[in-house]
Amino acid sequence: MSPRNVIIVGSTGAVGQELLRILEQREFPLKNLKLTASAKSRGRTVKFRGETLKVEELKADSFAGQDIGLFSAGGAVSKEFAPVAVKAGCVVVDNTSAWRMDPDVPLVVPEVNAKAIAGHRGIIANPNCSTIGLVVVLKPLHDKARCRRCVVTTFQSVSGAGARALEEMIEESKAVLAGKEYRRTIFPHPIAFNCIPQIGQKKETFQPSGYTDEETKMIQETKKILEDDTVRVAPTCVRVPVMRCHSESVNLEFSKPISADRAREILRSAPGVRVVDDPSKMEYPLATMVAGKDESFVGRIRQDPTVEYGLHLWIVSDNIRKGAALNAVQIAELL
């Protein structure tokens, strides 16, 4: 790869910081790296490859001379500035939900549908973190036996709701253990020692169908990435008191026979997948094991005896890393 000018939009957030770590770890060929964020972060400094970089305020002229823009500053910012970047000749890799379902914008997981990148018109979208963890495992099985139906329950870590949410979980946990009252500002219900079957903090996240926005994303994004509208996806998305990594209980119904042993064989050779599945040793993916790792980990692979061709499995992936920053950098590498 020849060196590129890269701009990070939202460089001071959790995903922005992870983008910096991954660019450094993977030795991404950079001609120049520009860091931008909101006005309140202007002037902050960040260490990168032994140098001190200063964060600039994001403005319309920030994209002049930039080749690739890694966006992770919220949907409203992406809606406003991604077209500005494209007009300046900068290809945008967007981590928000702003462009995912736009028919003119490729929705890409490199291990699954890298070829879709070639059709971009200046913007490429990163899928939802829960969708990424799912499709990396689902695609190789779908290719062999065609998945007809996917029932998935997610167990999503608090880091997916942002740094303030993570702080709230920690402080609320301390208060509960001390027998004290705690006043929440982020979650609608206690997150300490609790599970909340809602991703999104407002009642407006529920749609007339009863599904939340997060669940609808998983349905629509999975179909778009697999390029198969016939796959039926039924999700329930749950926030759990885990700091990092999303876990998923996945039930799959196929059109052809596929055994648990055959599924393990397929997944062991699949890109971006690591199989950890030995019940005799109580070995299976855990959030504490997967944090900071690149792959989607899968285990508890077993037959579902209630349908003709069914499997049940357990997936864990790092929502900040593969679910956001790493996926974006992989797209940039392919660009």
C-alpha atoms as a PDB file:
ATOM      1  CA  MET A   1       0.000   0.000   0.000  1.00  0.00           C
ATOM      2  CA  SER A   2       1.226   3.485  -0.800  1.00  0.00           C
ATOM      3  CA  PRO A   3       1.031   6.032   2.053  1.00  0.00           C
ATOM      4  CA  ARG A   4      -2.224   7.947   2.437  1.00  0.00           C
ATOM      5  CA  ASN A   5      -3.397  11.118   4.120  1.00  0.00           C
ATOM      6  CA  VAL A   6      -5.922  10.047   6.756  1.00  0.00           C
ATOM      7  CA  ILE A   7      -8.261  12.155   8.885  1.00  0.00           C
ATOM      8  CA  ILE A   8     -10.033  10.796  11.965  1.00  0.00           C
ATOM      9  CA  VAL A   9     -13.338  12.487  12.802  1.00  0.00           C
ATOM     10  CA  GLY A  10     -14.124  11.919  16.468  1.00  0.00           C
ATOM     11  CA  SER A  11     -10.541  11.166  17.454  1.00  0.00           C
ATOM     12  CA  THR A  12     -10.991  11.694  21.215  1.00  0.00           C
ATOM     13  CA  GLY A  13     -13.827   9.185  21.728  1.00  0.00           C
ATOM     14  CA  ALA A  14     -13.468   5.502  22.631  1.00  0.00           C
ATOM     15  CA  VAL A  15     -13.579   4.341  19.005  1.00  0.00           C
ATOM     16  CA  GLY A  16     -11.326   7.178  17.880  1.00  0.00           C
ATOM     17  CA  GLN A  17      -8.709   6.176  20.437  1.00  0.00           C
ATOM     18  CA  GLU A  18      -8.996   2.552  19.331  1.00  0.00           C
ATOM     19  CA  LEU A  19      -8.537   3.641  15.707  1.00  0.00           C
ATOM     20  CA  LEU A  20      -5.224   5.238  16.673  1.00  0.00           C
ATOM     21  CA  ARG A  21      -4.047   2.066  18.441  1.00  0.00           C
ATOM     22  CA  ILE A  22      -4.964  -0.121  15.477  1.00  0.00           C
ATOM     23  CA  LEU A  23      -3.388   2.173  12.871  1.00  0.00           C
ATOM     24  CA  GLU A  24      -0.186   1.967  14.895  1.00  0.00           C
ATOM     25  CA  GLN A  25      -0.356  -1.782  15.564  1.00  0.00           C
ATOM     26  CA  ARG A  26      -1.052  -2.656  11.919  1.00  0.00           C
ATOM     27  CA  GLU A  27       1.558  -0.180  10.633  1.00  0.00           C
ATOM     28  CA  PHE A  28      -0.937   1.478   8.335  1.00  0.00           C
ATOM     29  CA  PRO A  29       0.970   3.409   5.634  1.00  0.00           C
ATOM     30  CA  LEU A  30       0.389   7.033   6.535  1.00  0.00           C
ATOM     31  CA  LYS A  31       1.667  10.084   4.713  1.00  0.00           C
ATOM     32  CA  ASN A  32      -0.054  12.305   7.249  1.00  0.00           C
ATOM     33  CA  LEU A  33      -2.603  11.787  10.049  1.00  0.00           C
ATOM     34  CA  LYS A  34      -5.032  14.566  11.007  1.00  0.00           C
ATOM     35  CA  LEU A  35      -7.072  14.321  14.218  1.00  0.00           C
ATOM     36  CA  THR A  36     -10.339  16.224  14.557  1.00  0.00           C
ATOM     37  CA  ALA A  37     -13.145  16.420  17.094  1.00  0.00           C
ATOM     38  CA  SER A  38     -15.653  18.922  18.441  1.00  0.00           C
ATOM     39  CA  ALA A  39     -14.646  22.411  19.566  1.00  0.00           C
ATOM     40  CA  LYS A  40     -14.408  21.333  23.214  1.00  0.00           C
ATOM     41  CA  SER A  41     -11.585  18.902  22.368  1.00  0.00           C
ATOM     42  CA  ARG A  42      -9.615  21.376  20.262  1.00  0.00           C
ATOM     43  CA  GLY A  43      -5.993  21.588  21.375  1.00  0.00           C
ATOM     44  CA  ARG A  44      -5.844  18.238  23.135  1.00  0.00           C
ATOM     45  CA  THR A  45      -2.746  16.215  22.354  1.00  0.00           C
ATOM     46  CA  VAL A  46      -2.394  12.533  21.512  1.00  0.00           C
ATOM     47  CA  LYS A  47       0.735  10.348  21.288  1.00  0.00           C
ATOM     48  CA  PHE A  48       1.055   8.407  18.040  1.00  0.00           C
ATOM     49  CA  ARG A  49       4.148   6.574  16.742  1.00  0.00           C
ATOM     50  CA  GLY A  50       6.348   8.516  19.122  1.00  0.00           C
ATOM     51  CA  GLU A  51       5.006  11.897  18.025  1.00  0.00           C
ATOM     52  CA  THR A  52       2.608  14.303  19.703  1.00  0.00           C
ATOM     53  CA  LEU A  53      -0.396  15.155  17.538  1.00  0.00           C
ATOM     54  CA  LYS A  54      -2.763  18.020  18.269  1.00  0.00           C
ATOM     55  CA  VAL A  55      -6.529  17.625  17.891  1.00  0.00           C
ATOM     56  CA  GLU A  56      -8.160  20.181  15.601  1.00  0.00           C
ATOM     57  CA  GLU A  57     -11.759  21.356  15.550  1.00  0.00           C
ATOM     58  CA  LEU A  58     -13.742  19.700  12.747  1.00  0.00           C
ATOM     59  CA  LYS A  59     -14.640  22.209  10.053  1.00  0.00           C
ATOM     60  CA  ALA A  60     -15.803  22.116   6.449  1.00  0.00           C
ATOM     61  CA  ASP A  61     -12.269  22.766   5.200  1.00  0.00           C
ATOM     62  CA  SER A  62     -10.724  19.983   7.311  1.00  0.00           C
ATOM     63  CA  PHE A  63     -10.825  17.522   4.396  1.00  0.00           C
ATOM     64  CA  ALA A  64      -8.668  19.368   1.889  1.00  0.00           C
ATOM     65  CA  GLY A  65      -5.908  17.040   0.706  1.00  0.00           C
ATOM     66  CA  GLN A  66      -7.221  14.050   2.688  1.00  0.00           C
ATOM     67  CA  ASP A  67      -7.484  10.619   1.045  1.00  0.00           C
ATOM     68  CA  ILE A  68      -9.430   8.623   3.654  1.00  0.00           C
ATOM     69  CA  GLY A  69     -11.717   9.805   6.457  1.00  0.00           C
ATOM     70  CA  LEU A  70     -12.439   7.535   9.408  1.00  0.00           C
ATOM     71  CA  PHE A  71     -15.654   8.873  10.936  1.00  0.00           C
ATOM     72  CA  SER A  72     -16.762   8.047  14.486  1.00  0.00           C
ATOM     73  CA  ALA A  73     -18.413  11.151  15.918  1.00  0.00           C
ATOM     74  CA  GLY A  74     -22.138  10.343  15.792  1.00  0.00           C
ATOM     75  CA  GLY A  75     -24.755  10.129  13.060  1.00  0.00           C
ATOM     76  CA  ALA A  76     -25.541  13.850  12.908  1.00  0.00           C
ATOM     77  CA  VAL A  77     -21.875  14.726  12.318  1.00  0.00           C
ATOM     78  CA  SER A  78     -21.575  12.058   9.624  1.00  0.00           C
ATOM     79  CA  LYS A  79     -24.712  13.261   7.856  1.00  0.00           C
ATOM     80  CA  GLU A  80     -23.371  16.810   7.778  1.00  0.00           C
ATOM     81  CA  PHE A  81     -19.691  16.262   7.031  1.00  0.00           C
ATOM     82  CA  ALA A  82     -19.441  13.026   5.003  1.00  0.00           C
ATOM     83  CA  PRO A  83     -20.783  14.698   1.802  1.00  0.00           C
ATOM     84  CA  VAL A  84     -18.391  17.604   2.428  1.00  0.00           C
ATOM     85  CA  ALA A  85     -15.490  15.164   2.674  1.00  0.00           C
ATOM     86  CA  VAL A  86     -16.506  13.330  -0.495  1.00  0.00           C
ATOM     87  CA  LYS A  87     -16.740  16.617  -2.392  1.00  0.00           C
ATOM     88  CA  ALA A  88     -13.156  17.355  -1.287  1.00  0.00           C
ATOM     89  CA  GLY A  89     -12.003  14.000  -2.722  1.00  0.00           C
ATOM     90  CA  CYS A  90     -11.821  12.117   0.603  1.00  0.00           C
ATOM     91  CA  VAL A  91     -13.288   8.601   0.813  1.00  0.00           C
ATOM     92  CA  VAL A  92     -15.312   8.232   4.013  1.00  0.00           C
ATOM     93  CA  VAL A  93     -15.445   5.081   6.153  1.00  0.00           C
ATOM     94  CA  ASP A  94     -18.327   5.804   8.509  1.00  0.00           C
ATOM     95  CA  ASN A  95     -18.822   4.094  11.873  1.00  0.00           C
ATOM     96  CA  THR A  96     -22.297   5.488  12.541  1.00  0.00           C
ATOM     97  CA  SER A  97     -25.743   4.353  11.431  1.00  0.00           C
ATOM     98  CA  ALA A  98     -26.167   7.440   9.217  1.00  0.00           C
ATOM     99  CA  TRP A  99     -25.471   5.769   5.851  1.00  0.00           C
ATOM    100  CA  ARG A 100     -25.814   2.036   6.476  1.00  0.00           C
ATOM    101  CA  MET A 101     -29.102   1.456   4.724  1.00  0.00           C
ATOM    102  CA  ASP A 102     -28.548   3.949   1.901  1.00  0.00           C
ATOM    103  CA  PRO A 103     -28.766   1.819  -1.270  1.00  0.00           C
ATOM    104  CA  ASP A 104     -25.849   3.740  -2.798  1.00  0.00           C
ATOM    105  CA  VAL A 105     -23.553   3.095   0.177  1.00  0.00           C
ATOM    106  CA  PRO A 106     -21.786  -0.284   0.581  1.00  0.00           C
ATOM    107  CA  LEU A 107     -22.168  -1.842   4.038  1.00  0.00           C
ATOM    108  CA  VAL A 108     -18.970  -3.807   4.506  1.00  0.00           C
ATOM    109  CA  VAL A 109     -17.393  -6.441   6.716  1.00  0.00           C
ATOM    110  CA  PRO A 110     -14.132  -7.284   4.909  1.00  0.00           C
ATOM    111  CA  GLU A 111     -14.191 -11.000   5.814  1.00  0.00           C
ATOM    112  CA  VAL A 112     -17.719 -11.257   4.402  1.00  0.00           C
ATOM    113  CA  ASN A 113     -18.289  -8.907   1.452  1.00  0.00           C
ATOM    114  CA  ALA A 114     -15.045  -7.056   0.655  1.00  0.00           C
ATOM    115  CA  LYS A 115     -16.000  -6.941  -3.015  1.00  0.00           C
ATOM    116  CA  ALA A 116     -18.771  -4.453  -2.191  1.00  0.00           C
ATOM    117  CA  ILE A 117     -16.112  -1.785  -1.551  1.00  0.00           C
ATOM    118  CA  ALA A 118     -15.513  -1.472  -5.290  1.00  0.00           C
ATOM    119  CA  GLY A 119     -18.993  -0.018  -5.770  1.00  0.00           C
ATOM    120  CA  HIS A 120     -18.577   2.895  -3.388  1.00  0.00           C
ATOM    121  CA  ARG A 121     -19.404   6.456  -4.403  1.00  0.00           C
ATOM    122  CA  GLY A 122     -17.304   8.093  -1.746  1.00  0.00           C
ATOM    123  CA  ILE A 123     -18.869   6.660   1.412  1.00  0.00           C
ATOM    124  CA  ILE A 124     -18.509   3.149   2.878  1.00  0.00           C
ATOM    125  CA  ALA A 125     -20.486   2.220   5.991  1.00  0.00           C
ATOM    126  CA  ASN A 126     -19.392   0.138   8.966  1.00  0.00           C
ATOM    127  CA  PRO A 127     -22.217  -2.094  10.243  1.00  0.00           C
ATOM    128  CA  ASN A 128     -23.553  -2.153  13.781  1.00  0.00           C
ATOM    129  CA  CYS A 129     -21.154  -3.838  16.225  1.00  0.00           C
ATOM    130  CA  SER A 130     -23.573  -6.694  17.000  1.00  0.00           C
ATOM    131  CA  THR A 131     -24.190  -7.312  13.304  1.00  0.00           C
ATOM    132  CA  ILE A 132     -20.456  -7.553  12.577  1.00  0.00           C
ATOM    133  CA  GLY A 133     -19.892 -10.206  15.245  1.00  0.00           C
ATOM    134  CA  LEU A 134     -22.806 -12.222  13.882  1.00  0.00           C
ATOM    135  CA  VAL A 135     -22.149 -12.120  10.132  1.00  0.00           C
ATOM    136  CA  VAL A 136     -18.445 -13.010  10.372  1.00  0.00           C
ATOM    137  CA  VAL A 137     -19.572 -16.366  11.792  1.00  0.00           C
ATOM    138  CA  LEU A 138     -22.819 -16.702   9.842  1.00  0.00           C
ATOM    139  CA  LYS A 139     -21.442 -16.104   6.333  1.00  0.00           C
ATOM    140  CA  PRO A 140     -19.233 -19.230   5.980  1.00  0.00           C
ATOM    141  CA  LEU A 141     -22.076 -21.414   7.285  1.00  0.00           C
ATOM    142  CA  HIS A 142     -24.582 -19.658   5.021  1.00  0.00           C
ATOM    143  CA  ASP A 143     -22.336 -20.309   2.014  1.00  0.00           C
ATOM    144  CA  LYS A 144     -22.358 -24.067   2.735  1.00  0.00           C
ATOM    145  CA  ALA A 145     -25.940 -24.732   3.794  1.00  0.00           C
ATOM    146  CA  ARG A 146     -27.930 -21.474   3.276  1.00  0.00           C
ATOM    147  CA  CYS A 147     -29.377 -20.127   6.486  1.00  0.00           C
ATOM    148  CA  ARG A 148     -33.155 -19.741   6.354  1.00  0.00           C
ATOM    149  CA  ARG A 149     -33.738 -18.314   9.835  1.00  0.00           C
ATOM    150  CA  CYS A 150     -31.566 -16.714  12.503  1.00  0.00           C
ATOM    151  CA  VAL A 151     -32.867 -16.132  16.030  1.00  0.00           C
ATOM    152  CA  VAL A 152     -30.335 -14.116  18.024  1.00  0.00           C
ATOM    153  CA  THR A 153     -30.256 -12.735  21.550  1.00  0.00           C
ATOM    154  CA  THR A 154     -27.468 -10.258  22.208  1.00  0.00           C
ATOM    155  CA  PHE A 155     -25.797  -9.534  25.546  1.00  0.00           C
ATOM    156  CA  GLN A 156     -24.278  -6.122  24.853  1.00  0.00           C
ATOM    157  CA  SER A 157     -21.627  -4.518  27.015  1.00  0.00           C
ATOM    158  CA  VAL A 158     -22.039  -1.083  28.558  1.00  0.00           C
ATOM    159  CA  SER A 159     -19.094   0.346  26.596  1.00  0.00           C
ATOM    160  CA  GLY A 160     -21.394   0.243  23.570  1.00  0.00           C
ATOM    161  CA  ALA A 161     -23.371   3.079  25.183  1.00  0.00           C
ATOM    162  CA  GLY A 162     -20.309   5.282  25.658  1.00  0.00           C
ATOM    163  CA  ALA A 163     -17.828   6.338  28.317  1.00  0.00           C
ATOM    164  CA  ARG A 164     -20.413   8.040  30.537  1.00  0.00           C
ATOM    165  CA  ALA A 165     -22.538   4.890  30.563  1.00  0.00           C
ATOM    166  CA  LEU A 166     -19.532   2.822  31.595  1.00  0.00           C
ATOM    167  CA  GLU A 167     -18.818   5.245  34.419  1.00  0.00           C
ATOM    168  CA  GLU A 168     -22.464   5.037  35.506  1.00  0.00           C
ATOM    169  CA  MET A 169     -22.331   1.238  35.708  1.00  0.00           C
ATOM    170  CA  ILE A 170     -19.159   1.323  37.820  1.00  0.00           C
ATOM    171  CA  GLU A 171     -20.441   3.996  40.208  1.00  0.00           C
ATOM    172  CA  GLU A 172     -23.877   2.413  40.509  1.00  0.00           C
ATOM    173  CA  SER A 173     -22.275  -0.968  41.291  1.00  0.00           C
ATOM    174  CA  LYS A 174     -20.230   0.640  44.070  1.00  0.00           C
ATOM    175  CA  ALA A 175     -23.367   2.273  45.480  1.00  0.00           C
ATOM    176  CA  VAL A 176     -25.381  -0.971  45.429  1.00  0.00           C
ATOM    177  CA  LEU A 177     -22.604  -2.895  47.172  1.00  0.00           C
ATOM    178  CA  ALA A 178     -22.405  -0.147  49.805  1.00  0.00           C
ATOM    179  CA  GLY A 179     -26.180  -0.144  50.283  1.00  0.00           C
ATOM    180  CA  LYS A 180     -26.473   3.447  49.075  1.00  0.00           C
ATOM    181  CA  GLU A 181     -28.866   5.222  46.714  1.00  0.00           C
ATOM    182  CA  TYR A 182     -27.642   6.064  43.232  1.00  0.00           C
ATOM    183  CA  ARG A 183     -29.144   8.602  40.839  1.00  0.00           C
ATOM    184  CA  ARG A 184     -28.894   7.442  37.223  1.00  0.00           C
ATOM    185  CA  THR A 185     -28.540   9.822  34.295  1.00  0.00           C
ATOM    186  CA  ILE A 186     -27.926   7.418  31.367  1.00  0.00           C
ATOM    187  CA  PHE A 187     -29.951   4.228  31.679  1.00  0.00           C
ATOM    188  CA  PRO A 188     -33.735   4.087  32.227  1.00  0.00           C
ATOM    189  CA  HIS A 189     -33.308   1.230  34.742  1.00  0.00           C
ATOM    190  CA  PRO A 190     -30.484   0.000  36.996  1.00  0.00           C
ATOM    191  CA  ILE A 191     -27.628  -1.494  34.990  1.00  0.00           C
ATOM    192  CA  ALA A 192     -25.652  -2.691  38.021  1.00  0.00           C
ATOM    193  CA  PHE A 193     -26.359  -6.415  38.586  1.00  0.00           C
ATOM    194  CA  ASN A 194     -29.197  -6.207  36.071  1.00  0.00           C
ATOM    195  CA  CYS A 195     -30.115  -6.862  32.419  1.00  0.00           C
ATOM    196  CA  ILE A 196     -32.080  -4.315  30.353  1.00  0.00           C
ATOM    197  CA  PRO A 197     -33.857  -5.721  27.252  1.00  0.00           C
ATOM    198  CA  GLN A 198     -33.475  -2.432  25.409  1.00  0.00           C
ATOM    199  CA  ILE A 199     -30.522  -0.891  23.573  1.00  0.00           C
ATOM    200  CA  GLY A 200     -31.050   2.861  23.538  1.00  0.00           C
ATOM    201  CA  GLN A 201     -31.995   4.893  26.539  1.00  0.00           C
ATOM    202  CA  LYS A 202     -35.282   6.462  25.361  1.00  0.00           C
ATOM    203  CA  LYS A 203     -38.775   5.088  24.867  1.00  0.00           C
ATOM    204  CA  GLU A 204     -38.627   6.365  21.272  1.00  0.00           C
ATOM    205  CA  THR A 205     -36.171   3.567  20.476  1.00  0.00           C
ATOM    206  CA  PHE A 206     -39.165   1.206  20.370  1.00  0.00           C
ATOM    207  CA  GLN A 207     -40.885   1.027  16.991  1.00  0.00           C
ATOM    208  CA  PRO A 208     -44.591   0.255  16.374  1.00  0.00           C
ATOM    209  CA  SER A 209     -43.578  -3.361  15.662  1.00  0.00           C
ATOM    210  CA  GLY A 210     -42.291  -3.700  19.237  1.00  0.00           C
ATOM    211  CA  TYR A 211     -38.711  -4.079  18.038  1.00  0.00           C
ATOM    212  CA  THR A 212     -36.074  -1.536  19.048  1.00  0.00           C
ATOM    213  CA  ASP A 213     -33.947   0.440  16.615  1.00  0.00           C
ATOM    214  CA  GLU A 214     -30.982  -1.793  17.471  1.00  0.00           C
ATOM    215  CA  GLU A 215     -32.940  -4.951  16.648  1.00  0.00           C
ATOM    216  CA  THR A 216     -34.169  -3.486  13.377  1.00  0.00           C
ATOM    217  CA  LYS A 217     -30.582  -2.630  12.451  1.00  0.00           C
ATOM    218  CA  MET A 218     -29.554  -6.265  12.913  1.00  0.00           C
ATOM    219  CA  ILE A 219     -32.426  -7.460  10.709  1.00  0.00           C
ATOM    220  CA  GLN A 220     -31.790  -5.030   7.860  1.00  0.00           C
ATOM    221  CA  GLU A 221     -27.990  -4.992   7.991  1.00  0.00           C
ATOM    222  CA  THR A 222     -27.632  -8.787   8.022  1.00  0.00           C
ATOM    223  CA  LYS A 223     -29.731  -9.080   4.868  1.00  0.00           C
ATOM    224  CA  LYS A 224     -27.799  -6.306   3.120  1.00  0.00           C
ATOM    225  CA  ILE A 225     -24.347  -7.687   3.989  1.00  0.00           C
ATOM    226  CA  LEU A 226     -25.267 -11.261   3.013  1.00  0.00           C
ATOM    227  CA  GLU A 227     -27.026  -9.932  -0.111  1.00  0.00           C
ATOM    228  CA  ASP A 228     -29.926 -12.233   0.707  1.00  0.00           C
ATOM    229  CA  ASP A 229     -33.334 -10.826   1.646  1.00  0.00           C
ATOM    230  CA  THR A 230     -34.728 -14.319   2.233  1.00  0.00           C
ATOM    231  CA  VAL A 231     -32.810 -14.814   5.505  1.00  0.00           C
ATOM    232  CA  ARG A 232     -35.256 -14.285   8.377  1.00  0.00           C
ATOM    233  CA  VAL A 233     -33.638 -12.582  11.367  1.00  0.00           C
ATOM    234  CA  ALA A 234     -35.370 -12.348  14.767  1.00  0.00           C
ATOM    235  CA  PRO A 235     -33.252 -10.471  17.341  1.00  0.00           C
ATOM    236  CA  THR A 236     -33.626  -9.472  20.978  1.00  0.00           C
ATOM    237  CA  CYS A 237     -30.947  -7.011  22.070  1.00  0.00           C
ATOM    238  CA  VAL A 238     -30.074  -6.775  25.774  1.00  0.00           C
ATOM    239  CA  ARG A 239     -27.749  -4.473  27.713  1.00  0.00           C
ATOM    240  CA  VAL A 240     -25.787  -6.360  30.387  1.00  0.00           C
ATOM    241  CA  PRO A 241     -23.375  -5.174  33.121  1.00  0.00           C
ATOM    242  CA  VAL A 242     -20.217  -6.148  31.206  1.00  0.00           C
ATOM    243  CA  MET A 243     -17.536  -3.557  30.472  1.00  0.00           C
ATOM    244  CA  ARG A 244     -16.414  -4.652  27.005  1.00  0.00           C
ATOM    245  CA  CYS A 245     -17.399  -7.249  24.344  1.00  0.00           C
ATOM    246  CA  HIS A 246     -20.814  -8.220  23.054  1.00  0.00           C
ATOM    247  CA  SER A 247     -21.994 -11.833  23.370  1.00  0.00           C
ATOM    248  CA  GLU A 248     -24.722 -13.467  21.294  1.00  0.00           C
ATOM    249  CA  SER A 249     -26.798 -16.614  21.626  1.00  0.00           C
ATOM    250  CA  VAL A 250     -27.601 -17.633  18.051  1.00  0.00           C
ATOM    251  CA  ASN A 251     -30.052 -20.244  16.766  1.00  0.00           C
ATOM    252  CA  LEU A 252     -29.763 -21.040  13.061  1.00  0.00           C
ATOM    253  CA  GLU A 253     -32.063 -23.011  10.763  1.00  0.00           C
ATOM    254  CA  PHE A 254     -30.568 -24.151   7.452  1.00  0.00           C
ATOM    255  CA  SER A 255     -31.866 -25.390   4.111  1.00  0.00           C
ATOM    256  CA  LYS A 256     -29.444 -28.335   4.049  1.00  0.00           C
ATOM    257  CA  PRO A 257     -28.040 -30.754   6.636  1.00  0.00           C
ATOM    258  CA  ILE A 258     -25.084 -29.409   8.599  1.00  0.00           C
ATOM    259  CA  SER A 259     -23.697 -31.116  11.681  1.00  0.00           C
ATOM    260  CA  ALA A 260     -22.031 -29.448  14.637  1.00  0.00           C
ATOM    261  CA  ASP A 261     -18.722 -31.116  13.696  1.00  0.00           C
ATOM    262  CA  ARG A 262     -19.011 -29.888  10.117  1.00  0.00           C
ATOM    263  CA  ALA A 263     -19.783 -26.361  11.367  1.00  0.00           C
ATOM    264  CA  ARG A 264     -16.661 -26.410  13.540  1.00  0.00           C
ATOM    265  CA  GLU A 265     -14.598 -27.565  10.566  1.00  0.00           C
ATOM    266  CA  ILE A 266     -15.958 -24.751   8.372  1.00  0.00           C
ATOM    267  CA  LEU A 267     -15.482 -22.086  11.026  1.00  0.00           C
ATOM    268  CA  ARG A 268     -11.924 -23.125  11.925  1.00  0.00           C
ATOM    269  CA  SER A 269     -10.838 -22.135   8.418  1.00  0.00           C
ATOM    270  CA  ALA A 270     -13.049 -19.041   8.134  1.00  0.00           C
ATOM    271  CA  PRO A 271     -11.354 -15.613   8.087  1.00  0.00           C
ATOM    272  CA  GLY A 272     -11.831 -13.555  11.221  1.00  0.00           C
ATOM    273  CA  VAL A 273     -13.225 -16.468  13.262  1.00  0.00           C
ATOM    274  CA  ARG A 274     -11.714 -18.345  16.189  1.00  0.00           C
ATOM    275  CA  VAL A 275     -13.382 -21.522  17.487  1.00  0.00           C
ATOM    276  CA  VAL A 276     -13.187 -22.134  21.248  1.00  0.00           C
ATOM    277  CA  ASP A 277     -15.425 -25.101  21.876  1.00  0.00           C
ATOM    278  CA  ASP A 278     -14.518 -27.910  24.302  1.00  0.00           C
ATOM    279  CA  PRO A 279     -17.348 -28.631  26.773  1.00  0.00           C
ATOM    280  CA  SER A 280     -15.269 -31.310  28.516  1.00  0.00           C
ATOM    281  CA  LYS A 281     -12.904 -28.573  29.676  1.00  0.00           C
ATOM    282  CA  MET A 282     -15.604 -25.898  30.048  1.00  0.00           C
ATOM    283  CA  GLU A 283     -13.938 -23.961  27.244  1.00  0.00           C
ATOM    284  CA  TYR A 284     -16.080 -21.449  25.370  1.00  0.00           C
ATOM    285  CA  PRO A 285     -15.766 -17.757  24.487  1.00  0.00           C
ATOM    286  CA  LEU A 286     -15.997 -15.235  27.321  1.00  0.00           C
ATOM    287  CA  ALA A 287     -16.032 -11.441  27.246  1.00  0.00           C
ATOM    288  CA  THR A 288     -12.973 -11.357  29.483  1.00  0.00           C
ATOM    289  CA  MET A 289     -11.150 -13.633  27.029  1.00  0.00           C
ATOM    290  CA  VAL A 290     -12.104 -11.759  23.874  1.00  0.00           C
ATOM    291  CA  ALA A 291     -11.507  -8.136  24.958  1.00  0.00           C
ATOM    292  CA  GLY A 292      -8.792  -6.624  22.795  1.00  0.00           C
ATOM    293  CA  LYS A 293      -8.865  -9.476  20.243  1.00  0.00           C
ATOM    294  CA  ASP A 294      -9.534  -9.096  16.520  1.00  0.00           C
ATOM    295  CA  GLU A 295     -11.617 -12.193  15.799  1.00  0.00           C
ATOM    296  CA  SER A 296     -15.220 -13.185  16.411  1.00  0.00           C
ATOM    297  CA  PHE A 297     -14.984 -16.102  18.848  1.00  0.00           C
ATOM    298  CA  VAL A 298     -17.517 -18.927  18.610  1.00  0.00           C
ATOM    299  CA  GLY A 299     -18.306 -21.939  20.795  1.00  0.00           C
ATOM    300  CA  ARG A 300     -21.124 -24.009  22.329  1.00  0.00           C
ATOM    301  CA  ILE A 301     -21.790 -25.301  18.807  1.00  0.00           C
ATOM    302  CA  ARG A 302     -24.509 -27.949  18.990  1.00  0.00           C
ATOM    303  CA  GLN A 303     -27.420 -29.419  17.074  1.00  0.00           C
ATOM    304  CA  ASP A 304     -30.901 -27.998  17.561  1.00  0.00           C
ATOM    305  CA  PRO A 305     -33.169 -31.083  17.709  1.00  0.00           C
ATOM    306  CA  THR A 306     -36.360 -28.997  17.386  1.00  0.00           C
ATOM    307  CA  VAL A 307     -35.887 -28.267  13.661  1.00  0.00           C
ATOM    308  CA  GLU A 308     -34.749 -30.409  10.734  1.00  0.00           C
ATOM    309  CA  TYR A 309     -31.446 -28.635  10.063  1.00  0.00           C
ATOM    310  CA  GLY A 310     -30.605 -26.511  13.062  1.00  0.00           C
ATOM    311  CA  LEU A 311     -27.582 -25.350  15.030  1.00  0.00           C
ATOM    312  CA  HIS A 312     -27.190 -23.366  18.211  1.00  0.00           C
ATOM    313  CA  LEU A 313     -23.985 -21.456  18.974  1.00  0.00           C
ATOM    314  CA  TRP A 314     -22.449 -18.716  21.131  1.00  0.00           C
ATOM    315  CA  ILE A 315     -20.515 -15.761  19.659  1.00  0.00           C
ATOM    316  CA  VAL A 316     -18.389 -13.145  21.450  1.00  0.00           C
ATOM    317  CA  SER A 317     -16.640 -10.201  19.784  1.00  0.00           C
ATOM    318  CA  ASP A 318     -15.021  -6.974  20.957  1.00  0.00           C
ATOM    319  CA  ASN A 319     -17.538  -4.228  20.173  1.00  0.00           C
ATOM    320  CA  ILE A 320     -14.975  -1.407  20.257  1.00  0.00           C
ATOM    321  CA  ARG A 321     -12.325  -3.253  18.267  1.00  0.00           C
ATOM    322  CA  LYS A 322     -13.768  -5.520  15.562  1.00  0.00           C
ATOM    323  CA  GLY A 323     -17.230  -4.043  16.086  1.00  0.00           C
ATOM    324  CA  ALA A 324     -16.023  -0.570  15.118  1.00  0.00           C
ATOM    325  CA  ALA A 325     -12.385   0.531  14.817  1.00  0.00           C
ATOM    326  CA  LEU A 326     -10.718  -2.574  13.369  1.00  0.00           C
ATOM    327  CA  ASN A 327     -13.419  -3.095  10.772  1.00  0.00           C
ATOM    328  CA  ALA A 328     -12.981   0.518   9.625  1.00  0.00           C
ATOM    329  CA  VAL A 329      -9.193   0.184   9.356  1.00  0.00           C
ATOM    330  CA  GLN A 330      -9.549  -3.087   7.420  1.00  0.00           C
ATOM    331  CA  ILE A 331     -11.778  -1.251   4.948  1.00  0.00           C
ATOM    332  CA  ALA A 332      -9.201   1.541   4.693  1.00  0.00           C
ATOM    333  CA  GLU A 333      -6.491  -1.046   3.991  1.00  0.00           C
ATOM    334  CA  LEU A 334      -8.556  -2.481   1.146  1.00  0.00           C
ATOM    335  CA  LEU A 335      -9.116   1.014  -0.211  1.00  0.00           C
END
